[in-house]
């Protein structure tokens, strides 16, 4: 099985481990039934000397647009663990706050 994750246009980083979060698309090949964890870390953008804009991940979606996991809490780092049963592409949705 091939699991593909993408930062989906920016405002945050994704990865299969905390040490590998980046803006680049990442792919991981796993066996059927293997546990996979993905991480989504929102950006902090310094607007000016006094203001910072924060982004957070509101959900992880399949390439088809179907929600895999949604998040209601506003935190900079989200993670999700699932069992691999097929090839999938995962895209985060970023929200500004």
C-alpha atoms as a PDB file:
ATOM      1  CA  UNK A   1       0.000   0.000   0.000  1.00  0.00           C
ATOM      2  CA  UNK A   2       1.181   3.505  -0.773  1.00  0.00           C
ATOM      3  CA  UNK A   3       0.206   6.406   1.496  1.00  0.00           C
ATOM      4  CA  UNK A   4       0.814   9.870   0.024  1.00  0.00           C
ATOM      5  CA  UNK A   5       0.516  13.112   2.002  1.00  0.00           C
ATOM      6  CA  UNK A   6       0.818  16.657   0.743  1.00  0.00           C
ATOM      7  CA  UNK A   7       0.843  20.042   2.485  1.00  0.00           C
ATOM      8  CA  UNK A   8      -1.970  21.027   0.097  1.00  0.00           C
ATOM      9  CA  UNK A   9      -0.782  24.450  -0.983  1.00  0.00           C
ATOM     10  CA  UNK A  10       0.921  25.630   2.159  1.00  0.00           C
ATOM     11  CA  UNK A  11       0.011  27.207   5.515  1.00  0.00           C
ATOM     12  CA  UNK A  12       1.411  24.135   7.212  1.00  0.00           C
ATOM     13  CA  UNK A  13       3.648  21.093   7.056  1.00  0.00           C
ATOM     14  CA  UNK A  14       2.904  17.371   7.026  1.00  0.00           C
ATOM     15  CA  UNK A  15       4.916  14.232   7.707  1.00  0.00           C
ATOM     16  CA  UNK A  16       4.961  10.638   8.863  1.00  0.00           C
ATOM     17  CA  UNK A  17       6.984  11.625  11.954  1.00  0.00           C
ATOM     18  CA  UNK A  18       7.506  14.853  13.893  1.00  0.00           C
ATOM     19  CA  UNK A  19      11.068  15.024  12.586  1.00  0.00           C
ATOM     20  CA  UNK A  20       9.969  14.804   8.952  1.00  0.00           C
ATOM     21  CA  UNK A  21       7.210  17.438   8.735  1.00  0.00           C
ATOM     22  CA  UNK A  22       7.720  19.589   5.656  1.00  0.00           C
ATOM     23  CA  UNK A  23       5.950  21.432   2.839  1.00  0.00           C
ATOM     24  CA  UNK A  24       6.894  18.702   0.350  1.00  0.00           C
ATOM     25  CA  UNK A  25       4.769  15.751  -0.691  1.00  0.00           C
ATOM     26  CA  UNK A  26       5.788  12.568   1.106  1.00  0.00           C
ATOM     27  CA  UNK A  27       5.083   8.946   0.262  1.00  0.00           C
ATOM     28  CA  UNK A  28       5.320   5.886   2.483  1.00  0.00           C
ATOM     29  CA  UNK A  29       4.949   2.246   1.417  1.00  0.00           C
ATOM     30  CA  UNK A  30       3.422   0.042   4.137  1.00  0.00           C
ATOM     31  CA  UNK A  31       1.974  -3.434   4.436  1.00  0.00           C
ATOM     32  CA  UNK A  32      -1.739  -4.184   4.577  1.00  0.00           C
ATOM     33  CA  UNK A  33      -3.003  -3.696   8.146  1.00  0.00           C
ATOM     34  CA  UNK A  34       0.016  -1.656   9.238  1.00  0.00           C
ATOM     35  CA  UNK A  35      -0.589   1.339  11.530  1.00  0.00           C
ATOM     36  CA  UNK A  36       0.307   4.703   9.992  1.00  0.00           C
ATOM     37  CA  UNK A  37       0.547   8.022  11.832  1.00  0.00           C
ATOM     38  CA  UNK A  38       0.555  11.345  10.042  1.00  0.00           C
ATOM     39  CA  UNK A  39       1.257  14.776  11.501  1.00  0.00           C
ATOM     40  CA  UNK A  40       0.025  18.202  10.392  1.00  0.00           C
ATOM     41  CA  UNK A  41       1.686  21.297  11.844  1.00  0.00           C
ATOM     42  CA  UNK A  42       0.223  24.742  11.116  1.00  0.00           C
ATOM     43  CA  UNK A  43       2.333  27.769  10.228  1.00  0.00           C
ATOM     44  CA  UNK A  44       3.031  30.845  12.317  1.00  0.00           C
ATOM     45  CA  UNK A  45       3.468  33.829  10.010  1.00  0.00           C
ATOM     46  CA  UNK A  46       4.953  37.041  11.411  1.00  0.00           C
ATOM     47  CA  UNK A  47       2.840  39.789   9.798  1.00  0.00           C
ATOM     48  CA  UNK A  48       4.671  42.705  11.371  1.00  0.00           C
ATOM     49  CA  UNK A  49       6.468  43.603  14.582  1.00  0.00           C
ATOM     50  CA  UNK A  50       3.306  43.166  16.673  1.00  0.00           C
ATOM     51  CA  UNK A  51       1.123  40.665  14.834  1.00  0.00           C
ATOM     52  CA  UNK A  52       1.379  36.982  14.002  1.00  0.00           C
ATOM     53  CA  UNK A  53      -1.069  34.932  11.943  1.00  0.00           C
ATOM     54  CA  UNK A  54      -1.537  31.305  12.971  1.00  0.00           C
ATOM     55  CA  UNK A  55      -2.845  28.413  10.880  1.00  0.00           C
ATOM     56  CA  UNK A  56      -4.152  25.109  12.149  1.00  0.00           C
ATOM     57  CA  UNK A  57      -5.323  21.871  10.551  1.00  0.00           C
ATOM     58  CA  UNK A  58      -9.121  21.434  10.638  1.00  0.00           C
ATOM     59  CA  UNK A  59      -9.079  18.027   9.009  1.00  0.00           C
ATOM     60  CA  UNK A  60      -7.409  15.412   6.865  1.00  0.00           C
ATOM     61  CA  UNK A  61      -9.137  14.557   3.602  1.00  0.00           C
ATOM     62  CA  UNK A  62      -8.778  11.910   0.932  1.00  0.00           C
ATOM     63  CA  UNK A  63      -7.837  13.124  -2.543  1.00  0.00           C
ATOM     64  CA  UNK A  64     -11.511  12.621  -3.493  1.00  0.00           C
ATOM     65  CA  UNK A  65     -12.539  15.233  -0.883  1.00  0.00           C
ATOM     66  CA  UNK A  66     -13.981  12.758   1.624  1.00  0.00           C
ATOM     67  CA  UNK A  67     -13.096  13.554   5.258  1.00  0.00           C
ATOM     68  CA  UNK A  68     -10.754  11.014   6.814  1.00  0.00           C
ATOM     69  CA  UNK A  69     -10.517  12.856  10.148  1.00  0.00           C
ATOM     70  CA  UNK A  70     -11.728  16.284  11.291  1.00  0.00           C
ATOM     71  CA  UNK A  71     -10.429  18.272  14.257  1.00  0.00           C
ATOM     72  CA  UNK A  72     -12.463  20.711  16.361  1.00  0.00           C
ATOM     73  CA  UNK A  73      -9.648  21.906  18.622  1.00  0.00           C
ATOM     74  CA  UNK A  74      -7.456  24.832  17.626  1.00  0.00           C
ATOM     75  CA  UNK A  75      -3.902  23.607  18.121  1.00  0.00           C
ATOM     76  CA  UNK A  76      -0.772  23.993  16.031  1.00  0.00           C
ATOM     77  CA  UNK A  77       0.001  20.270  15.765  1.00  0.00           C
ATOM     78  CA  UNK A  78      -2.454  17.496  14.951  1.00  0.00           C
ATOM     79  CA  UNK A  79      -1.832  13.788  14.474  1.00  0.00           C
ATOM     80  CA  UNK A  80      -3.908  10.892  13.243  1.00  0.00           C
ATOM     81  CA  UNK A  81      -3.218   7.146  13.323  1.00  0.00           C
ATOM     82  CA  UNK A  82      -5.057   4.703  11.075  1.00  0.00           C
ATOM     83  CA  UNK A  83      -4.731   1.184   9.697  1.00  0.00           C
ATOM     84  CA  UNK A  84      -3.652   0.962   6.046  1.00  0.00           C
ATOM     85  CA  UNK A  85      -6.041  -1.044   3.885  1.00  0.00           C
ATOM     86  CA  UNK A  86      -5.532   0.576   0.459  1.00  0.00           C
ATOM     87  CA  UNK A  87      -3.507   3.159  -1.453  1.00  0.00           C
ATOM     88  CA  UNK A  88      -4.595   6.672  -0.483  1.00  0.00           C
ATOM     89  CA  UNK A  89      -3.670  10.312  -0.901  1.00  0.00           C
ATOM     90  CA  UNK A  90      -4.251  12.558   2.131  1.00  0.00           C
ATOM     91  CA  UNK A  91      -4.569  16.347   2.070  1.00  0.00           C
ATOM     92  CA  UNK A  92      -4.902  18.615   5.130  1.00  0.00           C
ATOM     93  CA  UNK A  93      -7.290  21.553   5.274  1.00  0.00           C
ATOM     94  CA  UNK A  94      -5.775  24.675   6.869  1.00  0.00           C
ATOM     95  CA  UNK A  95      -7.685  27.403   8.684  1.00  0.00           C
ATOM     96  CA  UNK A  96      -6.374  30.831   9.700  1.00  0.00           C
ATOM     97  CA  UNK A  97      -6.955  32.138  13.221  1.00  0.00           C
END
